[in-house]
Amino acid sequence: MPFTRLELCVFSLVEGELQVLLARRAGEPYQGRWALPGGVLRIDLDADLDAAAQRVARERLGTGLPSASLQTAVGGKDRDPRAPWALSVVYRSAVLAGQVPVTPGKRVSELRWTPAPQAAADRRLAFDHARIVAQALESLRAEVSELRFAPGLLEEPFTLGELQAASEAVLGRALDKSSFRRKIDVAAVVEPVEGAMRTGAFRPAQLFRLA
């Protein structure tokens, strides 16, 4: 069995910007470098890969990850100096940053939210984690382009304006309001919350949830 790790790619909208959670490594290899939170698969502890991902999340972040899903697997030589051949199983999750408190855990000296495009291009990240972030970001953007919204990306209920703003933050570009709402209506990916409105300085807006 190759040296096998679980890597956690956790996205969140922080102050209107798509960010990814990075961990500063407390030990070798790459001590002091930023990386995705992760840990080694433990066949004596982990019933399956999903259980392994949640264990690693609790150990590294101090919390489980709701709606974590398998993103990809990356393997090859020269990926990790501890082994001649290393496999990483990558899990992706979207969370509400303010509602999922994270605390540096085992082998982590610090955690921080970093703009996702910046992390995807940062070759100073340990291992090949910049490439992993880039791939996860591309997958998330493809899903949002297809009007498939990850649970946890946006607090429910929401207005269509808030959904558009979240989509723009993920995609990194502006969307035409009329076109976006027409596509949302045709795709039937949201449903109104009966009797729920967002009030404020402007006209009250209907609230929705994911269908």
N, C-alpha and C. Protein backbone atom coordinates (compact mmCIF):
# COMPACT_ATOMS: atom_id res chain seq x y z
N MET A 1 0.85 -1.20 0.00
CA MET A 1 0.00 0.00 0.00
C MET A 1 0.88 1.25 0.00
N PRO A 2 0.63 2.21 -0.91
CA PRO A 2 1.45 3.42 -0.94
C PRO A 2 1.18 4.30 0.28
N PHE A 3 2.11 5.17 0.58
CA PHE A 3 1.93 6.17 1.63
C PHE A 3 0.72 7.01 1.25
N THR A 4 -0.32 7.01 2.10
CA THR A 4 -1.60 7.60 1.72
C THR A 4 -2.02 8.66 2.73
N ARG A 5 -2.40 9.83 2.20
CA ARG A 5 -2.84 10.94 3.02
C ARG A 5 -4.24 11.40 2.60
N LEU A 6 -4.89 12.08 3.51
CA LEU A 6 -6.13 12.80 3.23
C LEU A 6 -5.81 14.28 3.24
N GLU A 7 -6.20 15.01 2.19
CA GLU A 7 -6.02 16.47 2.14
C GLU A 7 -7.41 17.11 2.13
N LEU A 8 -7.57 18.19 2.88
CA LEU A 8 -8.86 18.85 3.02
C LEU A 8 -8.83 20.22 2.35
N CYS A 9 -9.65 20.37 1.34
CA CYS A 9 -9.74 21.65 0.62
C CYS A 9 -11.07 22.30 1.04
N VAL A 10 -10.99 23.24 1.97
CA VAL A 10 -12.18 23.83 2.58
C VAL A 10 -12.34 25.25 2.06
N PHE A 11 -13.46 25.49 1.37
CA PHE A 11 -13.75 26.82 0.82
C PHE A 11 -14.78 27.53 1.68
N SER A 12 -14.72 28.86 1.66
CA SER A 12 -15.73 29.68 2.32
C SER A 12 -15.77 31.05 1.67
N LEU A 13 -16.92 31.68 1.73
CA LEU A 13 -17.03 33.07 1.31
C LEU A 13 -16.76 33.94 2.54
N VAL A 14 -15.64 34.62 2.52
CA VAL A 14 -15.22 35.45 3.65
C VAL A 14 -15.20 36.90 3.18
N GLU A 15 -16.09 37.70 3.76
CA GLU A 15 -16.22 39.12 3.38
C GLU A 15 -16.40 39.26 1.87
N GLY A 16 -17.24 38.40 1.31
CA GLY A 16 -17.58 38.48 -0.10
C GLY A 16 -16.55 37.93 -1.05
N GLU A 17 -15.54 37.25 -0.54
CA GLU A 17 -14.46 36.72 -1.38
C GLU A 17 -14.32 35.23 -1.12
N LEU A 18 -14.14 34.44 -2.19
CA LEU A 18 -13.94 33.01 -2.03
C LEU A 18 -12.54 32.75 -1.49
N GLN A 19 -12.46 32.07 -0.35
CA GLN A 19 -11.19 31.79 0.27
C GLN A 19 -11.07 30.31 0.60
N VAL A 20 -9.84 29.86 0.80
CA VAL A 20 -9.57 28.47 1.13
C VAL A 20 -8.78 28.44 2.43
N LEU A 21 -9.02 27.43 3.24
CA LEU A 21 -8.37 27.32 4.54
C LEU A 21 -7.00 26.66 4.41
N LEU A 22 -5.97 27.34 4.90
CA LEU A 22 -4.61 26.81 4.87
C LEU A 22 -4.10 26.62 6.29
N ALA A 23 -3.19 25.67 6.43
CA ALA A 23 -2.60 25.36 7.74
C ALA A 23 -1.09 25.52 7.66
N ARG A 24 -0.50 26.16 8.67
CA ARG A 24 0.96 26.25 8.75
C ARG A 24 1.48 24.98 9.42
N ARG A 25 2.36 24.28 8.74
CA ARG A 25 2.83 22.99 9.23
C ARG A 25 3.77 23.18 10.43
N ALA A 26 3.49 22.41 11.49
CA ALA A 26 4.29 22.53 12.72
C ALA A 26 5.51 21.62 12.71
N GLY A 27 5.56 20.67 11.79
CA GLY A 27 6.68 19.73 11.76
C GLY A 27 7.16 19.46 10.35
N GLU A 28 8.23 18.70 10.27
CA GLU A 28 8.77 18.33 8.96
C GLU A 28 7.90 17.23 8.34
N PRO A 29 7.90 17.14 7.00
CA PRO A 29 8.62 18.02 6.07
C PRO A 29 7.90 19.36 5.87
N TYR A 30 8.64 20.31 5.34
CA TYR A 30 8.11 21.65 5.07
C TYR A 30 7.63 22.36 6.33
N GLN A 31 8.36 22.22 7.41
CA GLN A 31 7.98 22.89 8.65
C GLN A 31 7.88 24.39 8.44
N GLY A 32 6.79 24.98 8.94
CA GLY A 32 6.57 26.41 8.81
C GLY A 32 5.94 26.85 7.51
N ARG A 33 5.81 25.93 6.55
CA ARG A 33 5.19 26.28 5.27
C ARG A 33 3.68 26.10 5.36
N TRP A 34 2.98 26.85 4.52
CA TRP A 34 1.52 26.73 4.44
C TRP A 34 1.14 25.59 3.51
N ALA A 35 0.05 24.93 3.85
CA ALA A 35 -0.41 23.78 3.07
C ALA A 35 -1.89 23.57 3.35
N LEU A 36 -2.50 22.67 2.61
CA LEU A 36 -3.84 22.25 2.95
C LEU A 36 -3.78 21.44 4.24
N PRO A 37 -4.79 21.56 5.11
CA PRO A 37 -4.83 20.67 6.27
C PRO A 37 -4.93 19.22 5.79
N GLY A 38 -4.22 18.34 6.46
CA GLY A 38 -4.26 16.94 6.03
C GLY A 38 -3.61 16.03 7.04
N GLY A 39 -3.73 14.76 6.78
CA GLY A 39 -3.14 13.78 7.67
C GLY A 39 -3.08 12.42 7.00
N VAL A 40 -2.35 11.51 7.63
CA VAL A 40 -2.11 10.18 7.07
C VAL A 40 -3.31 9.28 7.31
N LEU A 41 -3.66 8.48 6.31
CA LEU A 41 -4.71 7.47 6.46
C LEU A 41 -4.29 6.46 7.52
N ARG A 42 -5.20 6.14 8.42
CA ARG A 42 -4.94 5.17 9.49
C ARG A 42 -5.91 4.00 9.33
N ILE A 43 -5.40 2.89 8.80
CA ILE A 43 -6.29 1.75 8.57
C ILE A 43 -6.73 1.11 9.89
N ASP A 44 -6.03 1.43 10.99
CA ASP A 44 -6.46 0.92 12.28
C ASP A 44 -7.56 1.77 12.90
N LEU A 45 -7.77 2.98 12.37
CA LEU A 45 -8.77 3.89 12.92
C LEU A 45 -9.91 4.21 11.96
N ASP A 46 -9.64 4.18 10.67
CA ASP A 46 -10.58 4.69 9.68
C ASP A 46 -11.36 3.57 9.01
N ALA A 47 -12.69 3.59 9.19
CA ALA A 47 -13.54 2.56 8.59
C ALA A 47 -13.59 2.68 7.07
N ASP A 48 -13.52 3.92 6.58
CA ASP A 48 -13.53 4.18 5.15
C ASP A 48 -12.94 5.57 4.92
N LEU A 49 -12.92 6.00 3.66
CA LEU A 49 -12.30 7.29 3.35
C LEU A 49 -13.08 8.46 3.95
N ASP A 50 -14.41 8.38 3.93
CA ASP A 50 -15.21 9.46 4.52
C ASP A 50 -14.89 9.62 6.00
N ALA A 51 -14.79 8.49 6.70
CA ALA A 51 -14.45 8.53 8.12
C ALA A 51 -13.05 9.09 8.33
N ALA A 52 -12.14 8.74 7.44
CA ALA A 52 -10.77 9.25 7.54
C ALA A 52 -10.75 10.76 7.39
N ALA A 53 -11.51 11.28 6.42
CA ALA A 53 -11.55 12.72 6.19
C ALA A 53 -12.09 13.45 7.42
N GLN A 54 -13.12 12.91 8.04
CA GLN A 54 -13.69 13.56 9.22
C GLN A 54 -12.74 13.47 10.42
N ARG A 55 -12.04 12.35 10.56
CA ARG A 55 -11.06 12.24 11.66
C ARG A 55 -9.95 13.27 11.48
N VAL A 56 -9.43 13.37 10.28
CA VAL A 56 -8.37 14.34 10.01
C VAL A 56 -8.87 15.76 10.28
N ALA A 57 -10.10 16.05 9.88
CA ALA A 57 -10.66 17.38 10.13
C ALA A 57 -10.73 17.66 11.63
N ARG A 58 -11.18 16.70 12.41
CA ARG A 58 -11.28 16.91 13.86
C ARG A 58 -9.89 17.09 14.47
N GLU A 59 -8.92 16.31 14.00
CA GLU A 59 -7.57 16.40 14.56
C GLU A 59 -6.86 17.69 14.17
N ARG A 60 -7.03 18.13 12.94
CA ARG A 60 -6.30 19.30 12.45
C ARG A 60 -7.04 20.61 12.67
N LEU A 61 -8.37 20.56 12.61
CA LEU A 61 -9.17 21.78 12.66
C LEU A 61 -10.01 21.90 13.91
N GLY A 62 -10.12 20.83 14.67
CA GLY A 62 -10.93 20.85 15.86
C GLY A 62 -12.42 20.77 15.60
N THR A 63 -12.81 20.39 14.38
CA THR A 63 -14.22 20.30 14.03
C THR A 63 -14.39 19.37 12.85
N GLY A 64 -15.57 18.76 12.75
CA GLY A 64 -15.89 17.99 11.56
C GLY A 64 -16.27 18.91 10.42
N LEU A 65 -16.35 18.34 9.22
CA LEU A 65 -16.67 19.14 8.04
C LEU A 65 -18.00 18.69 7.46
N PRO A 66 -19.04 19.51 7.58
CA PRO A 66 -20.31 19.15 6.97
C PRO A 66 -20.20 19.12 5.45
N SER A 67 -20.86 18.17 4.86
CA SER A 67 -20.96 18.10 3.39
C SER A 67 -19.61 17.94 2.70
N ALA A 68 -18.64 17.33 3.37
CA ALA A 68 -17.36 17.05 2.71
C ALA A 68 -17.57 15.97 1.67
N SER A 69 -17.01 16.15 0.49
CA SER A 69 -17.18 15.17 -0.58
C SER A 69 -15.85 14.90 -1.25
N LEU A 70 -15.72 13.71 -1.79
CA LEU A 70 -14.49 13.31 -2.46
C LEU A 70 -14.27 14.16 -3.70
N GLN A 71 -13.12 14.81 -3.79
CA GLN A 71 -12.79 15.67 -4.92
C GLN A 71 -11.98 14.92 -5.97
N THR A 72 -10.87 14.33 -5.54
CA THR A 72 -9.99 13.65 -6.49
C THR A 72 -8.95 12.85 -5.71
N ALA A 73 -8.15 12.12 -6.43
CA ALA A 73 -6.99 11.44 -5.85
C ALA A 73 -5.77 11.79 -6.70
N VAL A 74 -4.67 12.08 -6.04
CA VAL A 74 -3.43 12.46 -6.73
C VAL A 74 -2.32 11.55 -6.23
N GLY A 75 -1.60 10.95 -7.14
CA GLY A 75 -0.53 10.05 -6.72
C GLY A 75 0.67 10.12 -7.64
N GLY A 76 1.84 9.76 -7.11
CA GLY A 76 3.02 9.73 -7.93
C GLY A 76 4.29 9.77 -7.12
N LYS A 77 5.39 9.72 -7.82
CA LYS A 77 6.71 9.81 -7.19
C LYS A 77 7.03 11.26 -6.85
N ASP A 78 7.92 11.44 -5.90
CA ASP A 78 8.47 12.76 -5.57
C ASP A 78 7.40 13.75 -5.08
N ARG A 79 6.29 13.25 -4.57
CA ARG A 79 5.26 14.13 -4.01
C ARG A 79 5.51 14.41 -2.54
N ASP A 80 6.16 13.48 -1.86
CA ASP A 80 6.37 13.60 -0.42
C ASP A 80 7.73 12.98 -0.10
N PRO A 81 8.62 13.75 0.54
CA PRO A 81 9.98 13.23 0.80
C PRO A 81 9.99 12.05 1.77
N ARG A 82 8.88 11.75 2.41
CA ARG A 82 8.84 10.62 3.36
C ARG A 82 8.63 9.28 2.68
N ALA A 83 8.31 9.29 1.38
CA ALA A 83 8.00 8.03 0.72
C ALA A 83 8.37 8.11 -0.76
N PRO A 84 8.75 6.98 -1.37
CA PRO A 84 9.09 6.98 -2.79
C PRO A 84 7.88 7.16 -3.70
N TRP A 85 6.69 6.87 -3.15
CA TRP A 85 5.46 7.02 -3.94
C TRP A 85 4.35 7.38 -2.97
N ALA A 86 3.64 8.46 -3.23
CA ALA A 86 2.64 8.95 -2.27
C ALA A 86 1.32 9.21 -2.97
N LEU A 87 0.25 8.86 -2.26
CA LEU A 87 -1.11 9.07 -2.73
C LEU A 87 -1.83 10.04 -1.80
N SER A 88 -2.50 11.02 -2.38
CA SER A 88 -3.35 11.93 -1.60
C SER A 88 -4.79 11.81 -2.08
N VAL A 89 -5.69 11.56 -1.14
CA VAL A 89 -7.12 11.55 -1.42
C VAL A 89 -7.65 12.91 -0.95
N VAL A 90 -8.22 13.68 -1.87
CA VAL A 90 -8.60 15.06 -1.58
C VAL A 90 -10.11 15.15 -1.36
N TYR A 91 -10.48 15.74 -0.25
CA TYR A 91 -11.89 16.02 0.04
C TYR A 91 -12.12 17.52 -0.02
N ARG A 92 -13.27 17.89 -0.55
CA ARG A 92 -13.64 19.30 -0.67
C ARG A 92 -14.88 19.58 0.15
N SER A 93 -14.92 20.76 0.77
CA SER A 93 -16.08 21.15 1.55
C SER A 93 -16.25 22.66 1.44
N ALA A 94 -17.49 23.11 1.52
CA ALA A 94 -17.79 24.54 1.61
C ALA A 94 -18.46 24.78 2.95
N VAL A 95 -18.00 25.79 3.67
CA VAL A 95 -18.52 26.05 5.01
C VAL A 95 -18.81 27.54 5.17
N LEU A 96 -19.66 27.85 6.12
CA LEU A 96 -19.88 29.22 6.53
C LEU A 96 -18.83 29.54 7.59
N ALA A 97 -17.89 30.38 7.24
CA ALA A 97 -16.70 30.59 8.09
C ALA A 97 -17.07 30.97 9.52
N GLY A 98 -18.09 31.78 9.68
CA GLY A 98 -18.44 32.22 11.02
C GLY A 98 -19.17 31.18 11.84
N GLN A 99 -19.69 30.14 11.18
CA GLN A 99 -20.47 29.14 11.89
C GLN A 99 -19.72 27.83 12.10
N VAL A 100 -18.55 27.70 11.53
CA VAL A 100 -17.73 26.50 11.72
C VAL A 100 -16.39 26.94 12.30
N PRO A 101 -16.32 27.11 13.61
CA PRO A 101 -15.06 27.57 14.21
C PRO A 101 -13.97 26.52 14.03
N VAL A 102 -12.82 26.96 13.60
CA VAL A 102 -11.69 26.05 13.42
C VAL A 102 -10.57 26.47 14.36
N THR A 103 -9.91 25.48 14.93
CA THR A 103 -8.85 25.72 15.90
C THR A 103 -7.64 24.88 15.51
N PRO A 104 -6.43 25.46 15.44
CA PRO A 104 -5.25 24.67 15.07
C PRO A 104 -5.11 23.44 15.96
N GLY A 105 -4.95 22.29 15.35
CA GLY A 105 -4.84 21.05 16.09
C GLY A 105 -3.48 20.40 15.95
N LYS A 106 -3.46 19.07 15.91
CA LYS A 106 -2.21 18.32 15.83
C LYS A 106 -1.40 18.71 14.59
N ARG A 107 -0.12 18.97 14.82
CA ARG A 107 0.84 19.26 13.75
C ARG A 107 0.49 20.52 12.94
N VAL A 108 -0.34 21.39 13.53
CA VAL A 108 -0.71 22.65 12.89
C VAL A 108 -0.42 23.78 13.86
N SER A 109 0.38 24.75 13.44
CA SER A 109 0.69 25.87 14.33
C SER A 109 -0.24 27.05 14.12
N GLU A 110 -0.89 27.12 12.95
CA GLU A 110 -1.74 28.28 12.65
C GLU A 110 -2.65 27.91 11.49
N LEU A 111 -3.83 28.50 11.48
CA LEU A 111 -4.77 28.36 10.37
C LEU A 111 -5.12 29.74 9.85
N ARG A 112 -5.36 29.85 8.56
CA ARG A 112 -5.78 31.14 8.02
C ARG A 112 -6.62 30.92 6.76
N TRP A 113 -7.53 31.86 6.51
CA TRP A 113 -8.27 31.89 5.26
C TRP A 113 -7.45 32.70 4.25
N THR A 114 -7.31 32.18 3.04
CA THR A 114 -6.53 32.81 1.99
C THR A 114 -7.36 32.87 0.71
N PRO A 115 -7.35 33.99 -0.03
CA PRO A 115 -8.09 34.03 -1.29
C PRO A 115 -7.75 32.82 -2.16
N ALA A 116 -8.77 32.12 -2.62
CA ALA A 116 -8.56 30.85 -3.32
C ALA A 116 -7.69 30.99 -4.59
N PRO A 117 -7.94 32.00 -5.45
CA PRO A 117 -7.08 32.12 -6.63
C PRO A 117 -5.61 32.36 -6.26
N GLN A 118 -5.39 33.11 -5.17
CA GLN A 118 -4.03 33.37 -4.71
C GLN A 118 -3.35 32.07 -4.27
N ALA A 119 -4.07 31.25 -3.50
CA ALA A 119 -3.50 29.98 -3.05
C ALA A 119 -3.24 29.04 -4.22
N ALA A 120 -4.13 29.05 -5.21
CA ALA A 120 -3.98 28.18 -6.37
C ALA A 120 -2.74 28.51 -7.19
N ALA A 121 -2.27 29.75 -7.07
CA ALA A 121 -1.10 30.18 -7.85
C ALA A 121 0.17 30.26 -7.00
N ASP A 122 0.08 29.91 -5.72
CA ASP A 122 1.20 30.10 -4.79
C ASP A 122 2.08 28.85 -4.76
N ARG A 123 3.18 28.86 -5.49
CA ARG A 123 4.07 27.70 -5.56
C ARG A 123 4.89 27.53 -4.29
N ARG A 124 4.72 28.45 -3.32
CA ARG A 124 5.42 28.28 -2.05
C ARG A 124 4.67 27.34 -1.12
N LEU A 125 3.43 26.98 -1.46
CA LEU A 125 2.71 26.02 -0.63
C LEU A 125 3.46 24.69 -0.62
N ALA A 126 3.36 23.99 0.50
CA ALA A 126 4.05 22.71 0.64
C ALA A 126 3.49 21.69 -0.35
N PHE A 127 4.34 20.69 -0.64
CA PHE A 127 3.98 19.59 -1.52
C PHE A 127 3.49 20.14 -2.87
N ASP A 128 2.44 19.54 -3.41
CA ASP A 128 1.83 20.03 -4.66
C ASP A 128 0.46 20.63 -4.38
N HIS A 129 0.32 21.26 -3.21
CA HIS A 129 -1.00 21.69 -2.77
C HIS A 129 -1.56 22.86 -3.57
N ALA A 130 -0.71 23.68 -4.17
CA ALA A 130 -1.23 24.75 -5.03
C ALA A 130 -1.98 24.14 -6.21
N ARG A 131 -1.45 23.08 -6.77
CA ARG A 131 -2.11 22.41 -7.89
C ARG A 131 -3.43 21.78 -7.46
N ILE A 132 -3.44 21.23 -6.25
CA ILE A 132 -4.68 20.63 -5.73
C ILE A 132 -5.75 21.69 -5.53
N VAL A 133 -5.35 22.85 -4.96
CA VAL A 133 -6.31 23.94 -4.78
C VAL A 133 -6.84 24.41 -6.14
N ALA A 134 -5.95 24.53 -7.11
CA ALA A 134 -6.36 24.98 -8.44
C ALA A 134 -7.38 24.03 -9.05
N GLN A 135 -7.17 22.74 -8.89
CA GLN A 135 -8.10 21.77 -9.44
C GLN A 135 -9.45 21.83 -8.73
N ALA A 136 -9.42 21.95 -7.40
CA ALA A 136 -10.66 22.04 -6.64
C ALA A 136 -11.42 23.33 -6.98
N LEU A 137 -10.70 24.42 -7.15
CA LEU A 137 -11.32 25.69 -7.52
C LEU A 137 -11.96 25.58 -8.89
N GLU A 138 -11.28 24.96 -9.83
CA GLU A 138 -11.84 24.77 -11.17
C GLU A 138 -13.13 23.95 -11.11
N SER A 139 -13.13 22.89 -10.28
CA SER A 139 -14.33 22.05 -10.16
C SER A 139 -15.49 22.83 -9.54
N LEU A 140 -15.19 23.61 -8.49
CA LEU A 140 -16.23 24.41 -7.85
C LEU A 140 -16.80 25.42 -8.82
N ARG A 141 -15.95 26.07 -9.59
CA ARG A 141 -16.42 27.06 -10.55
C ARG A 141 -17.28 26.41 -11.64
N ALA A 142 -16.89 25.23 -12.08
CA ALA A 142 -17.68 24.53 -13.09
C ALA A 142 -19.07 24.20 -12.56
N GLU A 143 -19.14 23.79 -11.31
CA GLU A 143 -20.44 23.47 -10.71
C GLU A 143 -21.33 24.71 -10.62
N VAL A 144 -20.76 25.82 -10.16
CA VAL A 144 -21.54 27.06 -10.04
C VAL A 144 -21.98 27.55 -11.42
N SER A 145 -21.13 27.40 -12.42
CA SER A 145 -21.51 27.77 -13.79
C SER A 145 -22.70 26.96 -14.27
N GLU A 146 -22.81 25.72 -13.77
CA GLU A 146 -23.93 24.84 -14.12
C GLU A 146 -25.09 24.97 -13.14
N LEU A 147 -25.01 26.00 -12.26
CA LEU A 147 -26.04 26.27 -11.25
C LEU A 147 -26.20 25.11 -10.27
N ARG A 148 -25.08 24.48 -9.95
CA ARG A 148 -25.05 23.48 -8.89
C ARG A 148 -24.29 24.10 -7.73
N PHE A 149 -25.00 24.37 -6.64
CA PHE A 149 -24.43 25.13 -5.53
C PHE A 149 -24.13 24.20 -4.36
N ALA A 150 -22.87 24.23 -3.91
CA ALA A 150 -22.44 23.36 -2.83
C ALA A 150 -23.13 23.74 -1.53
N PRO A 151 -23.65 22.77 -0.78
CA PRO A 151 -24.20 23.08 0.55
C PRO A 151 -23.13 23.75 1.41
N GLY A 152 -23.51 24.78 2.12
CA GLY A 152 -22.57 25.48 2.98
C GLY A 152 -21.92 26.68 2.34
N LEU A 153 -22.11 26.85 1.04
CA LEU A 153 -21.50 28.00 0.38
C LEU A 153 -22.22 29.30 0.72
N LEU A 154 -23.53 29.19 0.97
CA LEU A 154 -24.35 30.37 1.21
C LEU A 154 -25.36 30.05 2.30
N GLU A 155 -25.49 30.95 3.25
CA GLU A 155 -26.43 30.74 4.34
C GLU A 155 -27.87 30.83 3.83
N GLU A 156 -28.67 29.86 4.22
CA GLU A 156 -30.09 29.88 3.86
C GLU A 156 -30.91 30.45 5.01
N PRO A 157 -32.04 31.13 4.67
CA PRO A 157 -32.49 31.48 3.32
C PRO A 157 -31.72 32.67 2.77
N PHE A 158 -31.81 32.88 1.46
CA PHE A 158 -31.06 33.94 0.79
C PHE A 158 -31.94 34.59 -0.26
N THR A 159 -31.57 35.79 -0.66
CA THR A 159 -32.24 36.45 -1.77
C THR A 159 -31.53 36.05 -3.06
N LEU A 160 -32.18 36.28 -4.18
CA LEU A 160 -31.54 35.98 -5.46
C LEU A 160 -30.33 36.89 -5.67
N GLY A 161 -30.38 38.11 -5.12
CA GLY A 161 -29.22 38.99 -5.20
C GLY A 161 -28.03 38.43 -4.44
N GLU A 162 -28.29 37.85 -3.28
CA GLU A 162 -27.21 37.24 -2.49
C GLU A 162 -26.66 36.01 -3.20
N LEU A 163 -27.54 35.23 -3.84
CA LEU A 163 -27.07 34.06 -4.59
C LEU A 163 -26.21 34.49 -5.78
N GLN A 164 -26.60 35.56 -6.45
CA GLN A 164 -25.79 36.05 -7.56
C GLN A 164 -24.44 36.55 -7.06
N ALA A 165 -24.43 37.28 -5.95
CA ALA A 165 -23.17 37.78 -5.40
C ALA A 165 -22.24 36.63 -5.02
N ALA A 166 -22.80 35.57 -4.45
CA ALA A 166 -21.98 34.41 -4.09
C ALA A 166 -21.43 33.73 -5.34
N SER A 167 -22.26 33.64 -6.37
CA SER A 167 -21.81 33.03 -7.63
C SER A 167 -20.69 33.84 -8.25
N GLU A 168 -20.82 35.16 -8.22
CA GLU A 168 -19.79 36.03 -8.78
C GLU A 168 -18.49 35.90 -8.00
N ALA A 169 -18.58 35.74 -6.68
CA ALA A 169 -17.39 35.59 -5.86
C ALA A 169 -16.65 34.29 -6.21
N VAL A 170 -17.40 33.23 -6.45
CA VAL A 170 -16.78 31.95 -6.82
C VAL A 170 -16.17 32.03 -8.21
N LEU A 171 -16.92 32.58 -9.15
CA LEU A 171 -16.48 32.61 -10.55
C LEU A 171 -15.41 33.67 -10.81
N GLY A 172 -15.36 34.69 -9.96
CA GLY A 172 -14.39 35.75 -10.16
C GLY A 172 -14.74 36.70 -11.28
N ARG A 173 -16.03 36.80 -11.58
CA ARG A 173 -16.47 37.71 -12.65
C ARG A 173 -17.92 38.11 -12.40
N ALA A 174 -18.32 39.22 -13.02
CA ALA A 174 -19.68 39.71 -12.87
C ALA A 174 -20.64 38.91 -13.76
N LEU A 175 -21.89 38.82 -13.32
CA LEU A 175 -22.93 38.14 -14.07
C LEU A 175 -24.05 39.12 -14.39
N ASP A 176 -24.66 38.96 -15.53
CA ASP A 176 -25.81 39.80 -15.90
C ASP A 176 -27.01 39.38 -15.06
N LYS A 177 -27.63 40.36 -14.38
CA LYS A 177 -28.72 40.06 -13.46
C LYS A 177 -29.89 39.37 -14.15
N SER A 178 -30.34 39.90 -15.26
CA SER A 178 -31.52 39.34 -15.93
C SER A 178 -31.24 37.92 -16.43
N SER A 179 -30.08 37.73 -17.02
CA SER A 179 -29.71 36.41 -17.53
C SER A 179 -29.59 35.40 -16.40
N PHE A 180 -28.96 35.82 -15.30
CA PHE A 180 -28.78 34.92 -14.15
C PHE A 180 -30.13 34.48 -13.60
N ARG A 181 -31.02 35.42 -13.41
CA ARG A 181 -32.32 35.08 -12.83
C ARG A 181 -33.16 34.22 -13.78
N ARG A 182 -33.02 34.46 -15.07
CA ARG A 182 -33.74 33.63 -16.04
C ARG A 182 -33.23 32.18 -15.98
N LYS A 183 -31.93 32.01 -15.89
CA LYS A 183 -31.36 30.67 -15.82
C LYS A 183 -31.75 29.97 -14.51
N ILE A 184 -31.75 30.72 -13.42
CA ILE A 184 -32.17 30.15 -12.13
C ILE A 184 -33.61 29.68 -12.21
N ASP A 185 -34.45 30.47 -12.84
CA ASP A 185 -35.87 30.12 -12.95
C ASP A 185 -36.05 28.87 -13.80
N VAL A 186 -35.35 28.79 -14.93
CA VAL A 186 -35.47 27.63 -15.82
C VAL A 186 -34.94 26.37 -15.15
N ALA A 187 -33.83 26.49 -14.44
CA ALA A 187 -33.20 25.32 -13.82
C ALA A 187 -33.95 24.85 -12.58
N ALA A 188 -34.77 25.71 -12.00
CA ALA A 188 -35.55 25.36 -10.80
C ALA A 188 -34.66 24.79 -9.69
N VAL A 189 -33.55 25.48 -9.44
CA VAL A 189 -32.61 25.00 -8.42
C VAL A 189 -32.86 25.63 -7.05
N VAL A 190 -33.76 26.61 -6.99
CA VAL A 190 -34.12 27.22 -5.72
C VAL A 190 -35.64 27.24 -5.60
N GLU A 191 -36.12 27.36 -4.38
CA GLU A 191 -37.55 27.45 -4.15
C GLU A 191 -37.81 28.54 -3.12
N PRO A 192 -38.90 29.27 -3.26
CA PRO A 192 -39.18 30.35 -2.32
C PRO A 192 -39.55 29.81 -0.94
N VAL A 193 -39.17 30.53 0.08
CA VAL A 193 -39.58 30.23 1.45
C VAL A 193 -40.87 30.98 1.70
N GLU A 194 -41.94 30.25 1.85
CA GLU A 194 -43.27 30.85 1.96
C GLU A 194 -43.33 31.90 3.06
N GLY A 195 -43.72 33.13 2.67
CA GLY A 195 -43.92 34.20 3.63
C GLY A 195 -42.67 34.84 4.17
N ALA A 196 -41.48 34.46 3.66
CA ALA A 196 -40.22 35.00 4.17
C ALA A 196 -39.69 36.07 3.23
N MET A 197 -39.43 37.25 3.78
CA MET A 197 -38.93 38.37 2.99
C MET A 197 -37.73 38.99 3.70
N ARG A 198 -36.79 39.54 2.92
CA ARG A 198 -35.69 40.32 3.46
C ARG A 198 -36.08 41.80 3.36
N THR A 199 -36.13 42.47 4.49
CA THR A 199 -36.49 43.87 4.49
C THR A 199 -35.27 44.73 4.82
N GLY A 200 -35.33 45.98 4.42
CA GLY A 200 -34.22 46.89 4.67
C GLY A 200 -34.50 48.22 4.03
N ALA A 201 -33.43 48.87 3.57
CA ALA A 201 -33.58 50.21 2.98
C ALA A 201 -34.27 50.16 1.63
N PHE A 202 -34.21 48.97 0.97
CA PHE A 202 -34.80 48.86 -0.35
C PHE A 202 -36.09 48.06 -0.30
N ARG A 203 -36.66 47.80 -1.45
CA ARG A 203 -37.90 47.05 -1.54
C ARG A 203 -37.71 45.64 -0.95
N PRO A 204 -38.67 45.14 -0.19
CA PRO A 204 -38.53 43.79 0.39
C PRO A 204 -38.25 42.75 -0.69
N ALA A 205 -37.39 41.79 -0.38
CA ALA A 205 -37.00 40.78 -1.36
C ALA A 205 -37.40 39.39 -0.85
N GLN A 206 -37.93 38.59 -1.76
CA GLN A 206 -38.31 37.21 -1.43
C GLN A 206 -37.08 36.41 -1.03
N LEU A 207 -37.24 35.55 -0.04
CA LEU A 207 -36.17 34.67 0.39
C LEU A 207 -36.35 33.28 -0.22
N PHE A 208 -35.22 32.63 -0.53
CA PHE A 208 -35.21 31.33 -1.18
C PHE A 208 -34.31 30.36 -0.42
N ARG A 209 -34.45 29.08 -0.75
CA ARG A 209 -33.52 28.04 -0.29
C ARG A 209 -33.22 27.14 -1.49
N LEU A 210 -32.17 26.35 -1.37
CA LEU A 210 -31.84 25.41 -2.45
C LEU A 210 -32.92 24.34 -2.54
N ALA A 211 -33.31 24.02 -3.76
CA ALA A 211 -34.38 23.03 -3.98
C ALA A 211 -33.82 21.61 -3.81
